[in-house]
Amino acid sequence: MAFYNVKLSIGDVVLSEYSGYMKGMKGVKTSASNAAQNNDSILIQVFDVAGILVAKKVNGSWVDI
């Protein structure tokens, strides 16, 4: 398990931010997608405990970082 920070936004407007311990990257992506209610217009950014961007979902697709 690792600690992640998740940020959901549209443009410059941050809709939600949450953090916690999650089991693996698959778990983080599932949690974040569910939090965004699978809305493809919401940008999802996942950061590790050091604040480094480790995953991003843009226009409904996860982008390699």
N, C-alpha and C. Protein backbone atom coordinates (compact mmCIF):
# COMPACT_ATOMS: atom_id res chain seq x y z
N MET A 1 0.84 -1.17 0.00
CA MET A 1 0.00 0.00 0.00
C MET A 1 0.89 1.24 0.00
N ALA A 2 0.41 2.23 -0.70
CA ALA A 2 1.16 3.48 -0.78
C ALA A 2 0.19 4.65 -0.61
N PHE A 3 0.74 5.79 -0.25
CA PHE A 3 -0.06 6.99 -0.02
C PHE A 3 -0.10 7.80 -1.31
N TYR A 4 -1.30 8.19 -1.74
CA TYR A 4 -1.47 8.97 -2.97
C TYR A 4 -2.38 10.16 -2.71
N ASN A 5 -2.17 11.23 -3.47
CA ASN A 5 -3.05 12.40 -3.50
C ASN A 5 -3.71 12.42 -4.87
N VAL A 6 -5.02 12.61 -4.90
CA VAL A 6 -5.77 12.62 -6.15
C VAL A 6 -6.46 13.97 -6.29
N LYS A 7 -6.35 14.57 -7.48
CA LYS A 7 -6.97 15.87 -7.75
C LYS A 7 -7.87 15.73 -8.97
N LEU A 8 -9.12 16.16 -8.84
CA LEU A 8 -10.09 16.14 -9.93
C LEU A 8 -10.38 17.58 -10.32
N SER A 9 -10.27 17.90 -11.62
CA SER A 9 -10.49 19.28 -12.04
C SER A 9 -11.04 19.36 -13.46
N ILE A 10 -11.63 20.51 -13.75
CA ILE A 10 -12.04 20.87 -15.10
C ILE A 10 -11.41 22.22 -15.37
N GLY A 11 -10.50 22.28 -16.33
CA GLY A 11 -9.77 23.51 -16.59
C GLY A 11 -8.97 23.90 -15.36
N ASP A 12 -9.12 25.15 -14.92
CA ASP A 12 -8.40 25.64 -13.74
C ASP A 12 -9.20 25.45 -12.45
N VAL A 13 -10.40 24.90 -12.56
CA VAL A 13 -11.27 24.74 -11.40
C VAL A 13 -11.08 23.36 -10.78
N VAL A 14 -10.61 23.33 -9.54
CA VAL A 14 -10.43 22.06 -8.82
C VAL A 14 -11.77 21.67 -8.21
N LEU A 15 -12.27 20.51 -8.62
CA LEU A 15 -13.55 20.03 -8.11
C LEU A 15 -13.41 19.33 -6.78
N SER A 16 -12.33 18.56 -6.65
CA SER A 16 -12.14 17.77 -5.44
C SER A 16 -10.68 17.34 -5.32
N GLU A 17 -10.25 17.19 -4.10
CA GLU A 17 -8.94 16.62 -3.81
C GLU A 17 -9.10 15.67 -2.64
N TYR A 18 -8.47 14.51 -2.74
CA TYR A 18 -8.47 13.60 -1.60
C TYR A 18 -7.18 12.82 -1.59
N SER A 19 -6.87 12.24 -0.45
CA SER A 19 -5.63 11.48 -0.32
C SER A 19 -5.84 10.33 0.64
N GLY A 20 -4.96 9.35 0.51
CA GLY A 20 -5.03 8.21 1.40
C GLY A 20 -4.18 7.07 0.90
N TYR A 21 -4.16 6.01 1.68
CA TYR A 21 -3.41 4.81 1.32
C TYR A 21 -4.26 3.98 0.37
N MET A 22 -3.69 3.60 -0.76
CA MET A 22 -4.40 2.79 -1.74
C MET A 22 -3.50 1.65 -2.19
N LYS A 23 -4.12 0.57 -2.58
CA LYS A 23 -3.39 -0.65 -2.92
C LYS A 23 -3.07 -0.67 -4.41
N GLY A 24 -1.86 -0.27 -4.76
CA GLY A 24 -1.38 -0.35 -6.13
C GLY A 24 -1.98 0.71 -7.05
N MET A 25 -1.34 0.88 -8.21
CA MET A 25 -1.78 1.89 -9.17
C MET A 25 -3.16 1.56 -9.74
N LYS A 26 -3.46 0.28 -9.92
CA LYS A 26 -4.78 -0.10 -10.43
C LYS A 26 -5.87 0.35 -9.46
N GLY A 27 -5.63 0.18 -8.17
CA GLY A 27 -6.58 0.62 -7.16
C GLY A 27 -6.76 2.13 -7.15
N VAL A 28 -5.68 2.85 -7.33
CA VAL A 28 -5.74 4.32 -7.37
C VAL A 28 -6.55 4.77 -8.58
N LYS A 29 -6.28 4.18 -9.74
CA LYS A 29 -7.00 4.57 -10.95
C LYS A 29 -8.48 4.25 -10.85
N THR A 30 -8.81 3.10 -10.28
CA THR A 30 -10.22 2.73 -10.11
C THR A 30 -10.91 3.70 -9.16
N SER A 31 -10.26 4.00 -8.04
CA SER A 31 -10.82 4.92 -7.06
C SER A 31 -11.05 6.31 -7.68
N ALA A 32 -10.06 6.80 -8.40
CA ALA A 32 -10.15 8.12 -9.01
C ALA A 32 -11.23 8.17 -10.08
N SER A 33 -11.32 7.14 -10.92
CA SER A 33 -12.35 7.10 -11.96
C SER A 33 -13.74 7.06 -11.34
N ASN A 34 -13.89 6.29 -10.28
CA ASN A 34 -15.18 6.23 -9.59
C ASN A 34 -15.53 7.58 -8.96
N ALA A 35 -14.54 8.26 -8.40
CA ALA A 35 -14.77 9.58 -7.80
C ALA A 35 -15.21 10.59 -8.85
N ALA A 36 -14.70 10.45 -10.06
CA ALA A 36 -15.08 11.34 -11.16
C ALA A 36 -16.35 10.85 -11.85
N GLN A 37 -16.92 9.77 -11.35
CA GLN A 37 -18.13 9.15 -11.91
C GLN A 37 -17.97 8.88 -13.40
N ASN A 38 -16.75 8.48 -13.78
CA ASN A 38 -16.42 8.14 -15.17
C ASN A 38 -16.77 9.25 -16.16
N ASN A 39 -16.74 10.51 -15.69
CA ASN A 39 -16.99 11.66 -16.55
C ASN A 39 -15.69 11.99 -17.29
N ASP A 40 -15.69 11.85 -18.61
CA ASP A 40 -14.48 12.03 -19.41
C ASP A 40 -13.99 13.47 -19.47
N SER A 41 -14.83 14.44 -19.11
CA SER A 41 -14.40 15.84 -19.17
C SER A 41 -13.62 16.25 -17.92
N ILE A 42 -13.56 15.38 -16.92
CA ILE A 42 -12.84 15.69 -15.69
C ILE A 42 -11.39 15.19 -15.79
N LEU A 43 -10.45 16.10 -15.56
CA LEU A 43 -9.03 15.76 -15.54
C LEU A 43 -8.71 15.14 -14.18
N ILE A 44 -8.09 13.97 -14.20
CA ILE A 44 -7.69 13.30 -12.97
C ILE A 44 -6.17 13.29 -12.91
N GLN A 45 -5.61 13.77 -11.80
CA GLN A 45 -4.17 13.74 -11.60
C GLN A 45 -3.89 13.01 -10.30
N VAL A 46 -2.91 12.09 -10.34
CA VAL A 46 -2.53 11.31 -9.17
C VAL A 46 -1.08 11.64 -8.84
N PHE A 47 -0.84 12.02 -7.58
CA PHE A 47 0.49 12.39 -7.11
C PHE A 47 0.93 11.44 -6.01
N ASP A 48 2.23 11.16 -5.95
CA ASP A 48 2.75 10.35 -4.84
C ASP A 48 2.95 11.25 -3.63
N VAL A 49 3.44 10.67 -2.55
CA VAL A 49 3.58 11.40 -1.29
C VAL A 49 4.54 12.59 -1.42
N ALA A 50 5.47 12.54 -2.36
CA ALA A 50 6.43 13.63 -2.57
C ALA A 50 5.87 14.72 -3.48
N GLY A 51 4.64 14.54 -3.98
CA GLY A 51 4.03 15.53 -4.86
C GLY A 51 4.37 15.36 -6.32
N ILE A 52 4.95 14.23 -6.69
CA ILE A 52 5.33 13.96 -8.08
C ILE A 52 4.14 13.33 -8.81
N LEU A 53 3.80 13.87 -9.97
CA LEU A 53 2.71 13.35 -10.78
C LEU A 53 3.06 11.94 -11.26
N VAL A 54 2.22 10.96 -10.93
CA VAL A 54 2.51 9.57 -11.30
C VAL A 54 1.48 9.00 -12.28
N ALA A 55 0.32 9.64 -12.40
CA ALA A 55 -0.70 9.18 -13.35
C ALA A 55 -1.63 10.35 -13.67
N LYS A 56 -2.18 10.31 -14.89
CA LYS A 56 -3.08 11.37 -15.32
C LYS A 56 -4.10 10.79 -16.30
N LYS A 57 -5.36 11.17 -16.14
CA LYS A 57 -6.42 10.73 -17.05
C LYS A 57 -6.98 11.97 -17.74
N VAL A 58 -6.83 12.00 -19.07
CA VAL A 58 -7.26 13.14 -19.87
C VAL A 58 -8.22 12.62 -20.93
N ASN A 59 -9.37 13.27 -21.06
CA ASN A 59 -10.37 12.89 -22.06
C ASN A 59 -10.71 11.41 -22.00
N GLY A 60 -10.80 10.86 -20.81
CA GLY A 60 -11.22 9.48 -20.62
C GLY A 60 -10.14 8.43 -20.78
N SER A 61 -8.89 8.83 -21.03
CA SER A 61 -7.81 7.86 -21.21
C SER A 61 -6.66 8.16 -20.26
N TRP A 62 -6.11 7.10 -19.66
CA TRP A 62 -4.94 7.25 -18.80
C TRP A 62 -3.72 7.48 -19.68
N VAL A 63 -2.94 8.51 -19.37
CA VAL A 63 -1.77 8.92 -20.14
C VAL A 63 -0.52 8.42 -19.43
N ASP A 64 0.43 7.89 -20.19
CA ASP A 64 1.71 7.45 -19.62
C ASP A 64 2.50 8.67 -19.16
N ILE A 65 3.07 8.57 -17.98
CA ILE A 65 3.87 9.67 -17.42
C ILE A 65 5.34 9.30 -17.51
